[in-house]
Amino acid sequence: MKNTLIQLDPPIPLETPNGKTLAHIVIDYGPEYDLLWVCFNDKNGECWTWHNSLVRAQKNVTMGRDLENDKNRNNKE
């Protein structure tokens, strides 16, 4: 299987262990690996690469993604 590098246009806003970022590139090494997200931090511009399991979409009320309400809903179930 061929390795794939995808430049995201437009970049995708993500939450990472280092805070809010914009993902500019996704690296896919194939079915045996996590996707890797190349992200630039909103606060300081640092570039980090994160495994798929460590990133989440940022809150987007327009798209119905209110992370705080989702957390509260999951705790009640």
N, C-alpha and C. Protein backbone atom coordinates (compact mmCIF):
# COMPACT_ATOMS: atom_id res chain seq x y z
N MET A 1 0.84 -1.18 0.00
CA MET A 1 0.00 0.00 0.00
C MET A 1 0.88 1.25 0.00
N LYS A 2 0.45 2.22 -0.73
CA LYS A 2 1.20 3.46 -0.88
C LYS A 2 0.90 4.41 0.28
N ASN A 3 1.93 5.05 0.83
CA ASN A 3 1.74 6.09 1.85
C ASN A 3 1.08 7.30 1.20
N THR A 4 0.20 7.98 1.96
CA THR A 4 -0.51 9.11 1.42
C THR A 4 -0.33 10.33 2.32
N LEU A 5 -0.06 11.47 1.71
CA LEU A 5 0.03 12.75 2.40
C LEU A 5 -1.00 13.67 1.75
N ILE A 6 -1.94 14.18 2.55
CA ILE A 6 -3.01 15.02 2.02
C ILE A 6 -2.92 16.40 2.64
N GLN A 7 -2.83 17.44 1.80
CA GLN A 7 -2.89 18.81 2.29
C GLN A 7 -4.36 19.21 2.36
N LEU A 8 -4.79 19.63 3.54
CA LEU A 8 -6.19 19.98 3.76
C LEU A 8 -6.44 21.42 3.31
N ASP A 9 -7.46 21.60 2.48
CA ASP A 9 -7.80 22.93 1.99
C ASP A 9 -9.32 23.07 1.98
N PRO A 10 -9.89 23.70 2.99
CA PRO A 10 -9.25 24.51 4.03
C PRO A 10 -8.76 23.63 5.19
N PRO A 11 -7.88 24.19 6.03
CA PRO A 11 -7.44 23.48 7.24
C PRO A 11 -8.64 23.19 8.14
N ILE A 12 -8.51 22.15 8.98
CA ILE A 12 -9.59 21.73 9.86
C ILE A 12 -9.25 22.11 11.31
N PRO A 13 -10.16 22.83 12.02
CA PRO A 13 -9.91 23.16 13.42
C PRO A 13 -10.08 21.93 14.31
N LEU A 14 -9.03 21.62 15.08
CA LEU A 14 -9.04 20.45 15.95
C LEU A 14 -8.65 20.82 17.37
N GLU A 15 -9.12 20.01 18.32
CA GLU A 15 -8.66 20.06 19.72
C GLU A 15 -7.62 18.96 19.87
N THR A 16 -6.46 19.31 20.45
CA THR A 16 -5.39 18.35 20.68
C THR A 16 -4.97 18.42 22.14
N PRO A 17 -4.09 17.53 22.59
CA PRO A 17 -3.59 17.63 23.96
C PRO A 17 -2.90 18.97 24.27
N ASN A 18 -2.45 19.69 23.23
CA ASN A 18 -1.82 21.01 23.42
C ASN A 18 -2.78 22.17 23.19
N GLY A 19 -4.07 21.89 23.03
CA GLY A 19 -5.06 22.96 22.84
C GLY A 19 -5.59 23.03 21.43
N LYS A 20 -6.17 24.19 21.09
CA LYS A 20 -6.79 24.39 19.79
C LYS A 20 -5.73 24.57 18.71
N THR A 21 -5.99 23.92 17.56
CA THR A 21 -5.05 23.95 16.45
C THR A 21 -5.81 23.99 15.13
N LEU A 22 -5.05 24.19 14.06
CA LEU A 22 -5.56 23.98 12.71
C LEU A 22 -4.73 22.86 12.09
N ALA A 23 -5.42 21.82 11.62
CA ALA A 23 -4.74 20.72 10.93
C ALA A 23 -4.57 21.10 9.47
N HIS A 24 -3.34 21.02 8.97
CA HIS A 24 -3.04 21.38 7.59
C HIS A 24 -2.73 20.17 6.72
N ILE A 25 -2.28 19.07 7.36
CA ILE A 25 -1.87 17.88 6.60
C ILE A 25 -2.32 16.63 7.35
N VAL A 26 -2.75 15.62 6.60
CA VAL A 26 -3.04 14.29 7.15
C VAL A 26 -2.09 13.31 6.48
N ILE A 27 -1.45 12.46 7.29
CA ILE A 27 -0.55 11.43 6.77
C ILE A 27 -1.19 10.07 7.05
N ASP A 28 -1.30 9.26 6.00
CA ASP A 28 -1.89 7.93 6.11
C ASP A 28 -0.86 6.90 5.66
N TYR A 29 -0.35 6.11 6.62
CA TYR A 29 0.64 5.08 6.30
C TYR A 29 0.01 3.74 5.94
N GLY A 30 -1.32 3.67 5.96
CA GLY A 30 -2.00 2.44 5.58
C GLY A 30 -2.85 1.88 6.70
N PRO A 31 -3.46 0.71 6.46
CA PRO A 31 -4.46 0.16 7.38
C PRO A 31 -3.92 -0.28 8.74
N GLU A 32 -2.64 -0.45 8.89
CA GLU A 32 -2.08 -0.88 10.17
C GLU A 32 -1.68 0.27 11.09
N TYR A 33 -1.97 1.51 10.69
CA TYR A 33 -1.51 2.69 11.43
C TYR A 33 -2.64 3.68 11.64
N ASP A 34 -2.52 4.48 12.72
CA ASP A 34 -3.41 5.63 12.90
C ASP A 34 -3.12 6.67 11.82
N LEU A 35 -4.13 7.47 11.49
CA LEU A 35 -3.85 8.67 10.70
C LEU A 35 -3.01 9.60 11.56
N LEU A 36 -2.15 10.39 10.94
CA LEU A 36 -1.36 11.39 11.65
C LEU A 36 -1.80 12.77 11.17
N TRP A 37 -2.11 13.65 12.11
CA TRP A 37 -2.58 15.00 11.80
C TRP A 37 -1.47 15.99 12.10
N VAL A 38 -1.04 16.75 11.09
CA VAL A 38 -0.02 17.78 11.27
C VAL A 38 -0.76 19.09 11.54
N CYS A 39 -0.56 19.61 12.76
CA CYS A 39 -1.35 20.75 13.25
C CYS A 39 -0.45 21.89 13.71
N PHE A 40 -0.96 23.12 13.54
CA PHE A 40 -0.29 24.31 14.04
C PHE A 40 -1.13 24.90 15.16
N ASN A 41 -0.49 25.10 16.32
CA ASN A 41 -1.17 25.59 17.52
C ASN A 41 -1.63 27.03 17.35
N ASP A 42 -2.89 27.32 17.74
CA ASP A 42 -3.46 28.66 17.63
C ASP A 42 -2.71 29.70 18.46
N LYS A 43 -2.25 29.33 19.67
CA LYS A 43 -1.63 30.29 20.58
C LYS A 43 -0.20 30.67 20.19
N ASN A 44 0.61 29.66 19.84
CA ASN A 44 2.04 29.95 19.67
C ASN A 44 2.59 29.51 18.31
N GLY A 45 1.76 28.93 17.45
CA GLY A 45 2.20 28.55 16.12
C GLY A 45 3.05 27.30 16.05
N GLU A 46 3.26 26.61 17.19
CA GLU A 46 4.06 25.39 17.16
C GLU A 46 3.42 24.35 16.26
N CYS A 47 4.25 23.57 15.60
CA CYS A 47 3.79 22.50 14.73
C CYS A 47 3.97 21.17 15.45
N TRP A 48 2.86 20.41 15.56
CA TRP A 48 2.88 19.10 16.19
C TRP A 48 2.17 18.10 15.30
N THR A 49 2.56 16.86 15.39
CA THR A 49 1.86 15.78 14.70
C THR A 49 1.21 14.89 15.74
N TRP A 50 -0.10 14.64 15.55
CA TRP A 50 -0.90 13.89 16.53
C TRP A 50 -1.52 12.66 15.90
N HIS A 51 -1.54 11.56 16.66
CA HIS A 51 -2.25 10.36 16.23
C HIS A 51 -3.75 10.63 16.23
N ASN A 52 -4.45 9.96 15.37
CA ASN A 52 -5.88 10.13 15.20
C ASN A 52 -6.64 10.01 16.52
N SER A 53 -6.24 9.11 17.38
CA SER A 53 -6.94 8.88 18.65
C SER A 53 -6.81 10.04 19.63
N LEU A 54 -5.90 10.99 19.37
CA LEU A 54 -5.66 12.10 20.29
C LEU A 54 -6.28 13.42 19.85
N VAL A 55 -6.93 13.46 18.71
CA VAL A 55 -7.52 14.71 18.22
C VAL A 55 -9.04 14.60 18.18
N ARG A 56 -9.70 15.74 18.35
CA ARG A 56 -11.15 15.84 18.28
C ARG A 56 -11.50 17.12 17.52
N ALA A 57 -12.66 17.11 16.87
CA ALA A 57 -13.14 18.31 16.19
C ALA A 57 -13.43 19.39 17.24
N GLN A 58 -13.14 20.64 16.91
CA GLN A 58 -13.46 21.74 17.80
C GLN A 58 -14.97 21.95 17.85
N LYS A 59 -15.42 22.60 18.92
CA LYS A 59 -16.83 22.94 19.08
C LYS A 59 -17.31 23.74 17.86
N ASN A 60 -18.52 23.38 17.38
CA ASN A 60 -19.12 24.10 16.26
C ASN A 60 -20.63 24.02 16.43
N VAL A 61 -21.20 25.05 17.05
CA VAL A 61 -22.63 25.06 17.36
C VAL A 61 -23.46 24.97 16.09
N THR A 62 -23.02 25.62 15.02
CA THR A 62 -23.75 25.59 13.75
C THR A 62 -23.92 24.16 13.25
N MET A 63 -22.90 23.33 13.47
CA MET A 63 -22.96 21.94 13.02
C MET A 63 -23.51 21.01 14.10
N GLY A 64 -23.98 21.59 15.24
CA GLY A 64 -24.54 20.78 16.31
C GLY A 64 -23.50 20.08 17.16
N ARG A 65 -22.27 20.59 17.15
CA ARG A 65 -21.19 19.98 17.92
C ARG A 65 -20.84 20.88 19.08
N ASP A 66 -21.63 20.78 20.15
CA ASP A 66 -21.40 21.55 21.37
C ASP A 66 -20.76 20.61 22.37
N LEU A 67 -19.45 20.63 22.47
CA LEU A 67 -18.70 19.63 23.23
C LEU A 67 -19.09 19.58 24.69
N GLU A 68 -19.37 20.71 25.33
CA GLU A 68 -19.74 20.71 26.74
C GLU A 68 -21.06 19.97 26.95
N ASN A 69 -22.06 20.23 26.10
CA ASN A 69 -23.33 19.52 26.22
C ASN A 69 -23.17 18.04 25.96
N ASP A 70 -22.31 17.66 25.01
CA ASP A 70 -22.07 16.26 24.73
C ASP A 70 -21.46 15.57 25.94
N LYS A 71 -20.50 16.22 26.63
CA LYS A 71 -19.87 15.64 27.81
C LYS A 71 -20.91 15.43 28.90
N ASN A 72 -21.76 16.45 29.14
CA ASN A 72 -22.78 16.35 30.18
C ASN A 72 -23.78 15.23 29.83
N ARG A 73 -24.16 15.13 28.58
CA ARG A 73 -25.11 14.11 28.14
C ARG A 73 -24.53 12.72 28.36
N ASN A 74 -23.25 12.53 28.03
CA ASN A 74 -22.62 11.23 28.19
C ASN A 74 -22.50 10.83 29.66
N ASN A 75 -22.28 11.80 30.55
CA ASN A 75 -22.17 11.50 31.98
C ASN A 75 -23.50 11.08 32.58
N LYS A 76 -24.62 11.52 32.02
CA LYS A 76 -25.94 11.21 32.54
C LYS A 76 -26.41 9.82 32.11
N GLU A 77 -25.84 9.30 31.03
CA GLU A 77 -26.29 8.00 30.51
C GLU A 77 -25.72 6.86 31.31
